[in-house]
C-alpha atoms as a PDB file:
ATOM      1  CA  MET A   1     -13.409 -14.059  -8.866  1.00  0.00           C
ATOM      2  CA  ASN A   2     -15.211 -11.212  -6.852  1.00  0.00           C
ATOM      3  CA  PHE A   3     -14.545  -7.796  -7.769  1.00  0.00           C
ATOM      4  CA  TYR A   4     -16.206  -4.714  -7.560  1.00  0.00           C
ATOM      5  CA  THR A   5     -17.160  -2.668 -10.822  1.00  0.00           C
ATOM      6  CA  ILE A   6     -17.711   1.063 -11.021  1.00  0.00           C
ATOM      7  CA  HIS A   7     -21.484   0.160 -10.319  1.00  0.00           C
ATOM      8  CA  ASP A   8     -21.268  -1.006  -6.909  1.00  0.00           C
ATOM      9  CA  LEU A   9     -18.605   1.107  -5.718  1.00  0.00           C
ATOM     10  CA  THR A  10     -19.882   4.082  -3.239  1.00  0.00           C
ATOM     11  CA  PRO A  11     -18.213   6.464  -0.349  1.00  0.00           C
ATOM     12  CA  GLY A  12     -17.480   4.993   2.137  1.00  0.00           C
ATOM     13  CA  MET A  13     -16.895   1.516   1.214  1.00  0.00           C
ATOM     14  CA  SER A  14     -13.224   0.120   2.616  1.00  0.00           C
ATOM     15  CA  ALA A  15     -10.954  -3.035   2.732  1.00  0.00           C
ATOM     16  CA  SER A  16      -8.013  -3.841   4.079  1.00  0.00           C
ATOM     17  CA  ILE A  17      -5.063  -6.096   4.582  1.00  0.00           C
ATOM     18  CA  ALA A  18      -2.209  -7.054   6.733  1.00  0.00           C
ATOM     19  CA  LYS A  19       1.242  -8.097   6.770  1.00  0.00           C
ATOM     20  CA  THR A  20       4.122  -8.914   8.809  1.00  0.00           C
ATOM     21  CA  VAL A  21       6.952  -7.896   7.470  1.00  0.00           C
ATOM     22  CA  THR A  22      10.025 -10.465   7.786  1.00  0.00           C
ATOM     23  CA  GLU A  23      13.819  -9.696   7.013  1.00  0.00           C
ATOM     24  CA  ALA A  24      13.231 -11.989   4.238  1.00  0.00           C
ATOM     25  CA  ASP A  25      10.761  -9.153   2.543  1.00  0.00           C
ATOM     26  CA  ILE A  26      13.219  -6.900   2.809  1.00  0.00           C
ATOM     27  CA  ILE A  27      16.290  -8.490   1.367  1.00  0.00           C
ATOM     28  CA  LEU A  28      13.574  -9.324  -2.065  1.00  0.00           C
ATOM     29  CA  PHE A  29      12.420  -6.062  -2.062  1.00  0.00           C
ATOM     30  CA  ALA A  30      15.479  -4.379  -2.131  1.00  0.00           C
ATOM     31  CA  GLY A  31      17.158  -7.165  -4.646  1.00  0.00           C
ATOM     32  CA  VAL A  32      13.268  -6.936  -6.913  1.00  0.00           C
ATOM     33  CA  SER A  33      13.421  -3.226  -6.865  1.00  0.00           C
ATOM     34  CA  THR A  34      17.817  -2.501  -6.748  1.00  0.00           C
ATOM     35  CA  ASP A  35      17.431  -1.041  -3.894  1.00  0.00           C
ATOM     36  CA  PHE A  36      20.467  -1.814  -1.440  1.00  0.00           C
ATOM     37  CA  ASN A  37      20.136   1.604   1.129  1.00  0.00           C
ATOM     38  CA  PRO A  38      21.945   0.352   3.871  1.00  0.00           C
ATOM     39  CA  ALA A  39      19.568   1.786   6.174  1.00  0.00           C
ATOM     40  CA  HIS A  40      17.761  -1.161   4.815  1.00  0.00           C
ATOM     41  CA  ILE A  41      19.763  -3.844   4.899  1.00  0.00           C
ATOM     42  CA  ASP A  42      23.127  -3.114   7.296  1.00  0.00           C
ATOM     43  CA  GLU A  43      21.876  -2.755  11.029  1.00  0.00           C
ATOM     44  CA  GLU A  44      25.397  -1.601  11.639  1.00  0.00           C
ATOM     45  CA  TYR A  45      25.028   1.446   9.580  1.00  0.00           C
ATOM     46  CA  ALA A  46      21.259   1.628  10.474  1.00  0.00           C
ATOM     47  CA  LYS A  47      21.867   2.446  14.039  1.00  0.00           C
ATOM     48  CA  THR A  48      23.762   5.382  13.132  1.00  0.00           C
ATOM     49  CA  THR A  49      20.739   7.197  11.359  1.00  0.00           C
ATOM     50  CA  MET A  50      18.005   9.248  12.951  1.00  0.00           C
ATOM     51  CA  PHE A  51      15.850   5.636  13.252  1.00  0.00           C
ATOM     52  CA  GLY A  52      18.389   3.877  15.125  1.00  0.00           C
ATOM     53  CA  GLY A  53      18.151   0.411  13.163  1.00  0.00           C
ATOM     54  CA  ARG A  54      17.006  -1.074  10.244  1.00  0.00           C
ATOM     55  CA  ILE A  55      13.551   0.229   8.439  1.00  0.00           C
ATOM     56  CA  ALA A  56      11.289  -1.531   5.706  1.00  0.00           C
ATOM     57  CA  HIS A  57      12.041   0.164   2.213  1.00  0.00           C
ATOM     58  CA  GLY A  58       8.934   2.869   2.077  1.00  0.00           C
ATOM     59  CA  MET A  59       7.880   1.629  -1.092  1.00  0.00           C
ATOM     60  CA  MET A  60       7.122  -1.803   0.296  1.00  0.00           C
ATOM     61  CA  SER A  61       4.253  -0.409   2.348  1.00  0.00           C
ATOM     62  CA  ALA A  62       2.657   1.293  -0.549  1.00  0.00           C
ATOM     63  CA  GLY A  63       3.215  -1.941  -2.371  1.00  0.00           C
ATOM     64  CA  PHE A  64       0.558  -3.303  -0.021  1.00  0.00           C
ATOM     65  CA  ILE A  65      -1.814  -0.755  -0.857  1.00  0.00           C
ATOM     66  CA  SER A  66      -1.478  -1.996  -4.120  1.00  0.00           C
ATOM     67  CA  ALA A  67      -2.497  -5.530  -2.503  1.00  0.00           C
ATOM     68  CA  VAL A  68      -5.814  -4.223  -1.095  1.00  0.00           C
ATOM     69  CA  LEU A  69      -6.674  -2.397  -4.626  1.00  0.00           C
ATOM     70  CA  GLY A  70      -5.949  -5.482  -6.903  1.00  0.00           C
ATOM     71  CA  THR A  71      -7.513  -8.264  -4.399  1.00  0.00           C
ATOM     72  CA  ARG A  72     -10.261  -6.782  -2.275  1.00  0.00           C
ATOM     73  CA  LEU A  73     -11.401  -3.449  -3.287  1.00  0.00           C
ATOM     74  CA  PRO A  74     -12.133  -3.235  -6.468  1.00  0.00           C
ATOM     75  CA  GLY A  75     -10.636  -6.421  -6.753  1.00  0.00           C
ATOM     76  CA  PRO A  76      -9.126  -8.372  -9.956  1.00  0.00           C
ATOM     77  CA  GLY A  77      -8.864  -6.519 -13.027  1.00  0.00           C
ATOM     78  CA  THR A  78      -8.431  -3.056 -11.036  1.00  0.00           C
ATOM     79  CA  ILE A  79      -6.261  -0.391 -13.295  1.00  0.00           C
ATOM     80  CA  TYR A  80      -4.424   1.632 -10.494  1.00  0.00           C
ATOM     81  CA  LEU A  81      -3.493   5.499 -12.428  1.00  0.00           C
ATOM     82  CA  SER A  82      -1.914   7.275  -9.889  1.00  0.00           C
ATOM     83  CA  GLN A  83      -0.909   7.674  -6.097  1.00  0.00           C
ATOM     84  CA  THR A  84      -0.042  10.271  -3.525  1.00  0.00           C
ATOM     85  CA  LEU A  85       2.371   9.156  -0.898  1.00  0.00           C
ATOM     86  CA  LYS A  86       3.138  11.162   2.672  1.00  0.00           C
ATOM     87  CA  PHE A  87       5.821   8.676   4.658  1.00  0.00           C
ATOM     88  CA  LYS A  88       4.713   9.260   8.318  1.00  0.00           C
ATOM     89  CA  ALA A  89       6.965   6.982  10.643  1.00  0.00           C
ATOM     90  CA  PRO A  90       9.308   3.957   9.801  1.00  0.00           C
ATOM     91  CA  VAL A  91       8.296   0.213   9.158  1.00  0.00           C
ATOM     92  CA  ARG A  92      10.743  -2.177  11.125  1.00  0.00           C
ATOM     93  CA  PRO A  93      11.492  -5.389  10.825  1.00  0.00           C
ATOM     94  CA  GLY A  94       8.651  -7.710  12.313  1.00  0.00           C
ATOM     95  CA  ASP A  95       5.944  -5.168  12.008  1.00  0.00           C
ATOM     96  CA  THR A  96       2.782  -5.966  10.793  1.00  0.00           C
ATOM     97  CA  VAL A  97       1.317  -3.024   8.478  1.00  0.00           C
ATOM     98  CA  THR A  98      -2.174  -2.960   8.124  1.00  0.00           C
ATOM     99  CA  ALA A  99      -3.130  -1.001   4.599  1.00  0.00           C
ATOM    100  CA  THR A 100      -6.201   0.177   4.574  1.00  0.00           C
ATOM    101  CA  VAL A 101      -8.132   1.724   1.035  1.00  0.00           C
ATOM    102  CA  THR A 102     -11.643   4.025   1.465  1.00  0.00           C
ATOM    103  CA  VAL A 103     -13.300   5.193  -1.502  1.00  0.00           C
ATOM    104  CA  LYS A 104     -13.582   8.861  -1.667  1.00  0.00           C
ATOM    105  CA  GLU A 105     -15.079   9.683  -4.414  1.00  0.00           C
ATOM    106  CA  VAL A 106     -16.675   7.893  -7.898  1.00  0.00           C
ATOM    107  CA  ASN A 107     -17.160   9.476 -11.159  1.00  0.00           C
ATOM    108  CA  THR A 108     -19.193   7.008 -13.108  1.00  0.00           C
ATOM    109  CA  ALA A 109     -18.986   8.929 -16.657  1.00  0.00           C
ATOM    110  CA  LYS A 110     -15.041   8.343 -16.519  1.00  0.00           C
ATOM    111  CA  ASN A 111     -14.852   4.968 -14.968  1.00  0.00           C
ATOM    112  CA  ARG A 112     -12.740   5.972 -12.142  1.00  0.00           C
ATOM    113  CA  VAL A 113     -12.262   6.048  -8.451  1.00  0.00           C
ATOM    114  CA  THR A 114     -10.593   8.293  -5.966  1.00  0.00           C
ATOM    115  CA  LEU A 115      -9.513   6.755  -2.558  1.00  0.00           C
ATOM    116  CA  ASP A 116      -8.354   7.465   0.337  1.00  0.00           C
ATOM    117  CA  THR A 117      -5.217   5.280   1.490  1.00  0.00           C
ATOM    118  CA  VAL A 118      -3.300   4.575   4.487  1.00  0.00           C
ATOM    119  CA  CYS A 119      -0.604   1.851   6.027  1.00  0.00           C
ATOM    120  CA  THR A 120      -0.606   1.818   9.676  1.00  0.00           C
ATOM    121  CA  VAL A 121       1.495  -0.096  12.436  1.00  0.00           C
ATOM    122  CA  GLY A 122      -0.283  -0.691  15.662  1.00  0.00           C
ATOM    123  CA  GLY A 123      -2.494   1.804  15.014  1.00  0.00           C
ATOM    124  CA  LYS A 124       0.273   4.490  14.199  1.00  0.00           C
ATOM    125  CA  VAL A 125      -0.167   5.717  10.841  1.00  0.00           C
ATOM    126  CA  VAL A 126       3.460   5.163   9.195  1.00  0.00           C
ATOM    127  CA  VAL A 127       2.001   5.932   5.432  1.00  0.00           C
ATOM    128  CA  GLU A 128      -0.818   7.864   4.117  1.00  0.00           C
ATOM    129  CA  GLY A 129      -1.720   9.178   0.667  1.00  0.00           C
ATOM    130  CA  GLU A 130      -4.304   9.228  -2.285  1.00  0.00           C
ATOM    131  CA  CYS A 131      -5.146   7.178  -5.383  1.00  0.00           C
ATOM    132  CA  VAL A 132      -6.917   7.035  -8.403  1.00  0.00           C
ATOM    133  CA  MET A 133      -8.062   3.805 -10.056  1.00  0.00           C
ATOM    134  CA  MET A 134     -10.040   2.464 -13.042  1.00  0.00           C
ATOM    135  CA  PRO A 135     -11.988  -0.759 -11.629  1.00  0.00           C
ATOM    136  CA  PRO A 136     -12.466  -3.890 -13.278  1.00  0.00           C
ATOM    137  CA  VAL A 137     -15.496  -3.988 -15.700  1.00  0.00           C
ATOM    138  CA  ARG A 138     -17.726  -6.905 -16.102  1.00  0.00           C
ATOM    139  CA  PRO A 139     -17.287  -9.276 -19.462  1.00  0.00           C
ATOM    140  CA  ALA A 140     -20.187  -8.722 -21.817  1.00  0.00           C
END
């Protein structure tokens, strides 16, 4: 398993993951989260909203940020401590979301890293925020 420890991380390091959101993803996320808001599930209802159609759950995009942290940067063993989120635009079925994390600050003494987090669709920001996490520690 490849991962970065606190000593490997420097400001500016970045990693991304992309995922196309499918109908099945939305239905499965609704089932797991128990969020059956008709804006996500019911096209006829969703057409009456400001979005003019169904949208994916915002927290699904936030989950893609978690995927980057746990699989790419810093990688397996990462502990997510906090996250701020601003939802800027909707994600629709069929959209490809690219989640990117960028190291902002490294606190070696506390084994904490602050990262900028962003999700985009076609270059447009749909979610932005900042997270704090603990990178994995190499086994002794």
